[in-house]
Amino acid sequence: MKKETKIIVGVLAGAALGATIALALSSDSTSDLKGKLSDFLADLLDSSKDKLAGLADKASSVADKVKDKIADINA
């Protein structure tokens, strides 16, 4: 894993843990707590997918540039 990926995963995990603890300590009823936690985790998952898609696009772009440079060298 790259350093940037580890940082992103760490931040997302920390946010999820902090939100879970905050919701657990709040005075909401159990069903409200479950709903809020479910919504938060769904949003977190969507955000993670978007960030990973961006990373995949960047990786693909870099791979294409490397292929082009290798082709130039071999030509």
PDB file of N, CA and C in Angstrom:
ATOM      1  N   MET A   1       0.825  -1.173   0.000  1.00  0.00           N
ATOM      2  CA  MET A   1       0.000   0.000   0.000  1.00  0.00           C
ATOM      3  C   MET A   1       0.872   1.240   0.000  1.00  0.00           C
ATOM      4  N   LYS A   2       0.458   2.227  -0.787  1.00  0.00           N
ATOM      5  CA  LYS A   2       1.191   3.481  -0.815  1.00  0.00           C
ATOM      6  C   LYS A   2       0.916   4.278   0.449  1.00  0.00           C
ATOM      7  N   LYS A   3       1.781   5.215   0.716  1.00  0.00           N
ATOM      8  CA  LYS A   3       1.654   6.044   1.915  1.00  0.00           C
ATOM      9  C   LYS A   3       0.333   6.819   1.905  1.00  0.00           C
ATOM     10  N   GLU A   4      -0.041   7.372   0.745  1.00  0.00           N
ATOM     11  CA  GLU A   4      -1.272   8.147   0.647  1.00  0.00           C
ATOM     12  C   GLU A   4      -2.495   7.278   0.927  1.00  0.00           C
ATOM     13  N   THR A   5      -2.479   6.054   0.426  1.00  0.00           N
ATOM     14  CA  THR A   5      -3.594   5.144   0.631  1.00  0.00           C
ATOM     15  C   THR A   5      -3.731   4.798   2.108  1.00  0.00           C
ATOM     16  N   LYS A   6      -2.596   4.572   2.766  1.00  0.00           N
ATOM     17  CA  LYS A   6      -2.630   4.264   4.197  1.00  0.00           C
ATOM     18  C   LYS A   6      -3.196   5.426   4.994  1.00  0.00           C
ATOM     19  N   ILE A   7      -2.830   6.636   4.603  1.00  0.00           N
ATOM     20  CA  ILE A   7      -3.330   7.820   5.304  1.00  0.00           C
ATOM     21  C   ILE A   7      -4.839   7.938   5.125  1.00  0.00           C
ATOM     22  N   ILE A   8      -5.322   7.753   3.900  1.00  0.00           N
ATOM     23  CA  ILE A   8      -6.754   7.848   3.626  1.00  0.00           C
ATOM     24  C   ILE A   8      -7.510   6.795   4.418  1.00  0.00           C
ATOM     25  N   VAL A   9      -7.019   5.564   4.413  1.00  0.00           N
ATOM     26  CA  VAL A   9      -7.677   4.486   5.158  1.00  0.00           C
ATOM     27  C   VAL A   9      -7.680   4.799   6.655  1.00  0.00           C
ATOM     28  N   GLY A  10      -6.581   5.316   7.170  1.00  0.00           N
ATOM     29  CA  GLY A  10      -6.503   5.660   8.585  1.00  0.00           C
ATOM     30  C   GLY A  10      -7.486   6.756   8.972  1.00  0.00           C
ATOM     31  N   VAL A  11      -7.586   7.775   8.120  1.00  0.00           N
ATOM     32  CA  VAL A  11      -8.519   8.871   8.396  1.00  0.00           C
ATOM     33  C   VAL A  11      -9.959   8.370   8.372  1.00  0.00           C
ATOM     34  N   LEU A  12     -10.288   7.568   7.371  1.00  0.00           N
ATOM     35  CA  LEU A  12     -11.655   7.041   7.273  1.00  0.00           C
ATOM     36  C   LEU A  12     -11.983   6.125   8.448  1.00  0.00           C
ATOM     37  N   ALA A  13     -11.044   5.289   8.841  1.00  0.00           N
ATOM     38  CA  ALA A  13     -11.273   4.400   9.987  1.00  0.00           C
ATOM     39  C   ALA A  13     -11.431   5.208  11.271  1.00  0.00           C
ATOM     40  N   GLY A  14     -10.618   6.233  11.437  1.00  0.00           N
ATOM     41  CA  GLY A  14     -10.729   7.087  12.623  1.00  0.00           C
ATOM     42  C   GLY A  14     -12.052   7.824  12.669  1.00  0.00           C
ATOM     43  N   ALA A  15     -12.499   8.306  11.518  1.00  0.00           N
ATOM     44  CA  ALA A  15     -13.794   8.999  11.455  1.00  0.00           C
ATOM     45  C   ALA A  15     -14.935   8.043  11.791  1.00  0.00           C
ATOM     46  N   ALA A  16     -14.860   6.830  11.264  1.00  0.00           N
ATOM     47  CA  ALA A  16     -15.909   5.852  11.547  1.00  0.00           C
ATOM     48  C   ALA A  16     -15.930   5.495  13.032  1.00  0.00           C
ATOM     49  N   LEU A  17     -14.771   5.297  13.615  1.00  0.00           N
ATOM     50  CA  LEU A  17     -14.700   4.962  15.034  1.00  0.00           C
ATOM     51  C   LEU A  17     -15.199   6.110  15.895  1.00  0.00           C
ATOM     52  N   GLY A  18     -14.783   7.327  15.578  1.00  0.00           N
ATOM     53  CA  GLY A  18     -15.224   8.495  16.345  1.00  0.00           C
ATOM     54  C   GLY A  18     -16.724   8.697  16.265  1.00  0.00           C
ATOM     55  N   ALA A  19     -17.277   8.527  15.089  1.00  0.00           N
ATOM     56  CA  ALA A  19     -18.730   8.682  14.928  1.00  0.00           C
ATOM     57  C   ALA A  19     -19.476   7.594  15.679  1.00  0.00           C
ATOM     58  N   THR A  20     -18.962   6.395  15.647  1.00  0.00           N
ATOM     59  CA  THR A  20     -19.607   5.290  16.359  1.00  0.00           C
ATOM     60  C   THR A  20     -19.622   5.553  17.859  1.00  0.00           C
ATOM     61  N   ILE A  21     -18.512   6.012  18.389  1.00  0.00           N
ATOM     62  CA  ILE A  21     -18.439   6.305  19.823  1.00  0.00           C
ATOM     63  C   ILE A  21     -19.375   7.459  20.179  1.00  0.00           C
ATOM     64  N   ALA A  22     -19.379   8.499  19.353  1.00  0.00           N
ATOM     65  CA  ALA A  22     -20.253   9.649  19.611  1.00  0.00           C
ATOM     66  C   ALA A  22     -21.716   9.244  19.595  1.00  0.00           C
ATOM     67  N   LEU A  23     -22.087   8.410  18.639  1.00  0.00           N
ATOM     68  CA  LEU A  23     -23.479   7.962  18.571  1.00  0.00           C
ATOM     69  C   LEU A  23     -23.831   7.062  19.751  1.00  0.00           C
ATOM     70  N   ALA A  24     -22.882   6.246  20.162  1.00  0.00           N
ATOM     71  CA  ALA A  24     -23.140   5.346  21.290  1.00  0.00           C
ATOM     72  C   ALA A  24     -23.336   6.120  22.587  1.00  0.00           C
ATOM     73  N   LEU A  25     -22.654   7.246  22.718  1.00  0.00           N
ATOM     74  CA  LEU A  25     -22.755   8.042  23.936  1.00  0.00           C
ATOM     75  C   LEU A  25     -23.909   9.047  23.904  1.00  0.00           C
ATOM     76  N   SER A  26     -24.545   9.193  22.760  1.00  0.00           N
ATOM     77  CA  SER A  26     -25.658  10.144  22.669  1.00  0.00           C
ATOM     78  C   SER A  26     -26.886   9.565  23.366  1.00  0.00           C
ATOM     79  N   SER A  27     -27.876  10.401  23.571  1.00  0.00           N
ATOM     80  CA  SER A  27     -29.060   9.984  24.321  1.00  0.00           C
ATOM     81  C   SER A  27     -30.192   9.499  23.422  1.00  0.00           C
ATOM     82  N   ASP A  28     -29.917   9.234  22.157  1.00  0.00           N
ATOM     83  CA  ASP A  28     -30.957   8.770  21.237  1.00  0.00           C
ATOM     84  C   ASP A  28     -31.395   7.352  21.572  1.00  0.00           C
ATOM     85  N   SER A  29     -32.581   7.023  21.122  1.00  0.00           N
ATOM     86  CA  SER A  29     -33.054   5.656  21.325  1.00  0.00           C
ATOM     87  C   SER A  29     -32.276   4.704  20.429  1.00  0.00           C
ATOM     88  N   THR A  30     -32.384   3.429  20.701  1.00  0.00           N
ATOM     89  CA  THR A  30     -31.611   2.425  19.971  1.00  0.00           C
ATOM     90  C   THR A  30     -31.925   2.423  18.482  1.00  0.00           C
ATOM     91  N   SER A  31     -33.196   2.524  18.120  1.00  0.00           N
ATOM     92  CA  SER A  31     -33.551   2.495  16.701  1.00  0.00           C
ATOM     93  C   SER A  31     -33.028   3.734  15.980  1.00  0.00           C
ATOM     94  N   ASP A  32     -33.080   4.894  16.643  1.00  0.00           N
ATOM     95  CA  ASP A  32     -32.523   6.105  16.043  1.00  0.00           C
ATOM     96  C   ASP A  32     -31.010   5.965  15.870  1.00  0.00           C
ATOM     97  N   LEU A  33     -30.378   5.409  16.868  1.00  0.00           N
ATOM     98  CA  LEU A  33     -28.930   5.205  16.821  1.00  0.00           C
ATOM     99  C   LEU A  33     -28.548   4.287  15.665  1.00  0.00           C
ATOM    100  N   LYS A  34     -29.286   3.199  15.512  1.00  0.00           N
ATOM    101  CA  LYS A  34     -29.003   2.269  14.419  1.00  0.00           C
ATOM    102  C   LYS A  34     -29.195   2.939  13.064  1.00  0.00           C
ATOM    103  N   GLY A  35     -30.236   3.750  12.936  1.00  0.00           N
ATOM    104  CA  GLY A  35     -30.496   4.439  11.677  1.00  0.00           C
ATOM    105  C   GLY A  35     -29.405   5.442  11.347  1.00  0.00           C
ATOM    106  N   LYS A  36     -28.987   6.228  12.350  1.00  0.00           N
ATOM    107  CA  LYS A  36     -27.936   7.209  12.133  1.00  0.00           C
ATOM    108  C   LYS A  36     -26.617   6.531  11.781  1.00  0.00           C
ATOM    109  N   LEU A  37     -26.307   5.461  12.495  1.00  0.00           N
ATOM    110  CA  LEU A  37     -25.058   4.741  12.226  1.00  0.00           C
ATOM    111  C   LEU A  37     -25.082   4.129  10.827  1.00  0.00           C
ATOM    112  N   SER A  38     -26.208   3.577  10.459  1.00  0.00           N
ATOM    113  CA  SER A  38     -26.345   2.984   9.132  1.00  0.00           C
ATOM    114  C   SER A  38     -26.171   4.045   8.046  1.00  0.00           C
ATOM    115  N   ASP A  39     -26.800   5.200   8.224  1.00  0.00           N
ATOM    116  CA  ASP A  39     -26.666   6.285   7.249  1.00  0.00           C
ATOM    117  C   ASP A  39     -25.226   6.779   7.165  1.00  0.00           C
ATOM    118  N   PHE A  40     -24.594   6.930   8.324  1.00  0.00           N
ATOM    119  CA  PHE A  40     -23.204   7.397   8.340  1.00  0.00           C
ATOM    120  C   PHE A  40     -22.295   6.425   7.607  1.00  0.00           C
ATOM    121  N   LEU A  41     -22.445   5.145   7.904  1.00  0.00           N
ATOM    122  CA  LEU A  41     -21.571   4.156   7.271  1.00  0.00           C
ATOM    123  C   LEU A  41     -21.831   4.060   5.773  1.00  0.00           C
ATOM    124  N   ALA A  42     -23.076   4.230   5.351  1.00  0.00           N
ATOM    125  CA  ALA A  42     -23.389   4.232   3.918  1.00  0.00           C
ATOM    126  C   ALA A  42     -22.720   5.424   3.237  1.00  0.00           C
ATOM    127  N   ASP A  43     -22.794   6.597   3.874  1.00  0.00           N
ATOM    128  CA  ASP A  43     -22.129   7.783   3.317  1.00  0.00           C
ATOM    129  C   ASP A  43     -20.619   7.585   3.264  1.00  0.00           C
ATOM    130  N   LEU A  44     -20.072   7.007   4.315  1.00  0.00           N
ATOM    131  CA  LEU A  44     -18.629   6.752   4.367  1.00  0.00           C
ATOM    132  C   LEU A  44     -18.209   5.791   3.257  1.00  0.00           C
ATOM    133  N   LEU A  45     -18.996   4.773   3.027  1.00  0.00           N
ATOM    134  CA  LEU A  45     -18.700   3.808   1.972  1.00  0.00           C
ATOM    135  C   LEU A  45     -18.755   4.467   0.599  1.00  0.00           C
ATOM    136  N   ASP A  46     -19.766   5.301   0.375  1.00  0.00           N
ATOM    137  CA  ASP A  46     -19.871   6.004  -0.907  1.00  0.00           C
ATOM    138  C   ASP A  46     -18.665   6.923  -1.122  1.00  0.00           C
ATOM    139  N   SER A  47     -18.285   7.626  -0.078  1.00  0.00           N
ATOM    140  CA  SER A  47     -17.134   8.522  -0.165  1.00  0.00           C
ATOM    141  C   SER A  47     -15.859   7.736  -0.460  1.00  0.00           C
ATOM    142  N   SER A  48     -15.710   6.599   0.192  1.00  0.00           N
ATOM    143  CA  SER A  48     -14.526   5.757  -0.025  1.00  0.00           C
ATOM    144  C   SER A  48     -14.473   5.256  -1.459  1.00  0.00           C
ATOM    145  N   LYS A  49     -15.624   4.861  -1.987  1.00  0.00           N
ATOM    146  CA  LYS A  49     -15.668   4.377  -3.368  1.00  0.00           C
ATOM    147  C   LYS A  49     -15.246   5.476  -4.334  1.00  0.00           C
ATOM    148  N   ASP A  50     -15.709   6.699  -4.082  1.00  0.00           N
ATOM    149  CA  ASP A  50     -15.341   7.816  -4.953  1.00  0.00           C
ATOM    150  C   ASP A  50     -13.843   8.072  -4.905  1.00  0.00           C
ATOM    151  N   LYS A  51     -13.276   8.060  -3.706  1.00  0.00           N
ATOM    152  CA  LYS A  51     -11.834   8.308  -3.566  1.00  0.00           C
ATOM    153  C   LYS A  51     -11.029   7.193  -4.226  1.00  0.00           C
ATOM    154  N   LEU A  52     -11.456   5.955  -4.053  1.00  0.00           N
ATOM    155  CA  LEU A  52     -10.731   4.838  -4.665  1.00  0.00           C
ATOM    156  C   LEU A  52     -10.850   4.861  -6.183  1.00  0.00           C
ATOM    157  N   ALA A  53     -11.993   5.304  -6.696  1.00  0.00           N
ATOM    158  CA  ALA A  53     -12.153   5.420  -8.144  1.00  0.00           C
ATOM    159  C   ALA A  53     -11.190   6.474  -8.678  1.00  0.00           C
ATOM    160  N   GLY A  54     -11.032   7.566  -7.950  1.00  0.00           N
ATOM    161  CA  GLY A  54     -10.081   8.599  -8.352  1.00  0.00           C
ATOM    162  C   GLY A  54      -8.663   8.084  -8.347  1.00  0.00           C
ATOM    163  N   LEU A  55      -8.316   7.302  -7.326  1.00  0.00           N
ATOM    164  CA  LEU A  55      -6.978   6.719  -7.268  1.00  0.00           C
ATOM    165  C   LEU A  55      -6.755   5.740  -8.415  1.00  0.00           C
ATOM    166  N   ALA A  56      -7.777   4.978  -8.747  1.00  0.00           N
ATOM    167  CA  ALA A  56      -7.661   4.023  -9.853  1.00  0.00           C
ATOM    168  C   ALA A  56      -7.440   4.760 -11.173  1.00  0.00           C
ATOM    169  N   ASP A  57      -8.134   5.883 -11.361  1.00  0.00           N
ATOM    170  CA  ASP A  57      -7.941   6.678 -12.579  1.00  0.00           C
ATOM    171  C   ASP A  57      -6.517   7.217 -12.665  1.00  0.00           C
ATOM    172  N   LYS A  58      -6.013   7.701 -11.538  1.00  0.00           N
ATOM    173  CA  LYS A  58      -4.640   8.222 -11.516  1.00  0.00           C
ATOM    174  C   LYS A  58      -3.644   7.106 -11.815  1.00  0.00           C
ATOM    175  N   ALA A  59      -3.854   5.938 -11.233  1.00  0.00           N
ATOM    176  CA  ALA A  59      -2.956   4.813 -11.462  1.00  0.00           C
ATOM    177  C   ALA A  59      -2.981   4.393 -12.927  1.00  0.00           C
ATOM    178  N   SER A  60      -4.146   4.392 -13.517  1.00  0.00           N
ATOM    179  CA  SER A  60      -4.268   4.039 -14.934  1.00  0.00           C
ATOM    180  C   SER A  60      -3.541   5.049 -15.804  1.00  0.00           C
ATOM    181  N   SER A  61      -3.671   6.317 -15.462  1.00  0.00           N
ATOM    182  CA  SER A  61      -2.990   7.369 -16.210  1.00  0.00           C
ATOM    183  C   SER A  61      -1.476   7.211 -16.123  1.00  0.00           C
ATOM    184  N   VAL A  62      -0.971   6.940 -14.948  1.00  0.00           N
ATOM    185  CA  VAL A  62       0.467   6.744 -14.761  1.00  0.00           C
ATOM    186  C   VAL A  62       0.936   5.519 -15.539  1.00  0.00           C
ATOM    187  N   ALA A  63       0.153   4.452 -15.499  1.00  0.00           N
ATOM    188  CA  ALA A  63       0.519   3.235 -16.224  1.00  0.00           C
ATOM    189  C   ALA A  63       0.590   3.506 -17.730  1.00  0.00           C
ATOM    190  N   ASP A  64      -0.350   4.287 -18.241  1.00  0.00           N
ATOM    191  CA  ASP A  64      -0.326   4.631 -19.666  1.00  0.00           C
ATOM    192  C   ASP A  64       0.923   5.438 -20.021  1.00  0.00           C
ATOM    193  N   LYS A  65       1.286   6.390 -19.152  1.00  0.00           N
ATOM    194  CA  LYS A  65       2.485   7.198 -19.399  1.00  0.00           C
ATOM    195  C   LYS A  65       3.741   6.322 -19.408  1.00  0.00           C
ATOM    196  N   VAL A  66       3.794   5.363 -18.476  1.00  0.00           N
ATOM    197  CA  VAL A  66       4.946   4.461 -18.412  1.00  0.00           C
ATOM    198  C   VAL A  66       5.013   3.609 -19.676  1.00  0.00           C
ATOM    199  N   LYS A  67       3.878   3.107 -20.127  1.00  0.00           N
ATOM    200  CA  LYS A  67       3.857   2.311 -21.358  1.00  0.00           C
ATOM    201  C   LYS A  67       4.340   3.133 -22.543  1.00  0.00           C
ATOM    202  N   ASP A  68       3.905   4.397 -22.614  1.00  0.00           N
ATOM    203  CA  ASP A  68       4.328   5.265 -23.712  1.00  0.00           C
ATOM    204  C   ASP A  68       5.833   5.501 -23.677  1.00  0.00           C
ATOM    205  N   LYS A  69       6.378   5.735 -22.489  1.00  0.00           N
ATOM    206  CA  LYS A  69       7.820   5.969 -22.367  1.00  0.00           C
ATOM    207  C   LYS A  69       8.602   4.721 -22.730  1.00  0.00           C
ATOM    208  N   ILE A  70       8.126   3.544 -22.328  1.00  0.00           N
ATOM    209  CA  ILE A  70       8.794   2.291 -22.680  1.00  0.00           C
ATOM    210  C   ILE A  70       8.752   2.088 -24.196  1.00  0.00           C
ATOM    211  N   ALA A  71       7.609   2.423 -24.813  1.00  0.00           N
ATOM    212  CA  ALA A  71       7.502   2.289 -26.260  1.00  0.00           C
ATOM    213  C   ALA A  71       8.478   3.242 -26.952  1.00  0.00           C
ATOM    214  N   ASP A  72       8.631   4.457 -26.430  1.00  0.00           N
ATOM    215  CA  ASP A  72       9.567   5.417 -26.998  1.00  0.00           C
ATOM    216  C   ASP A  72      11.005   4.929 -26.893  1.00  0.00           C
ATOM    217  N   ILE A  73      11.319   4.325 -25.744  1.00  0.00           N
ATOM    218  CA  ILE A  73      12.668   3.825 -25.524  1.00  0.00           C
ATOM    219  C   ILE A  73      12.964   2.663 -26.467  1.00  0.00           C
ATOM    220  N   ASN A  74      12.009   1.783 -26.664  1.00  0.00           N
ATOM    221  CA  ASN A  74      12.197   0.601 -27.513  1.00  0.00           C
ATOM    222  C   ASN A  74      12.167   0.953 -29.000  1.00  0.00           C
ATOM    223  N   ALA A  75      11.634   2.110 -29.343  1.00  0.00           N
ATOM    224  CA  ALA A  75      11.519   2.483 -30.768  1.00  0.00           C
ATOM    225  C   ALA A  75      12.822   2.942 -31.371  1.00  0.00           C
TER     226      ALA A  75
END
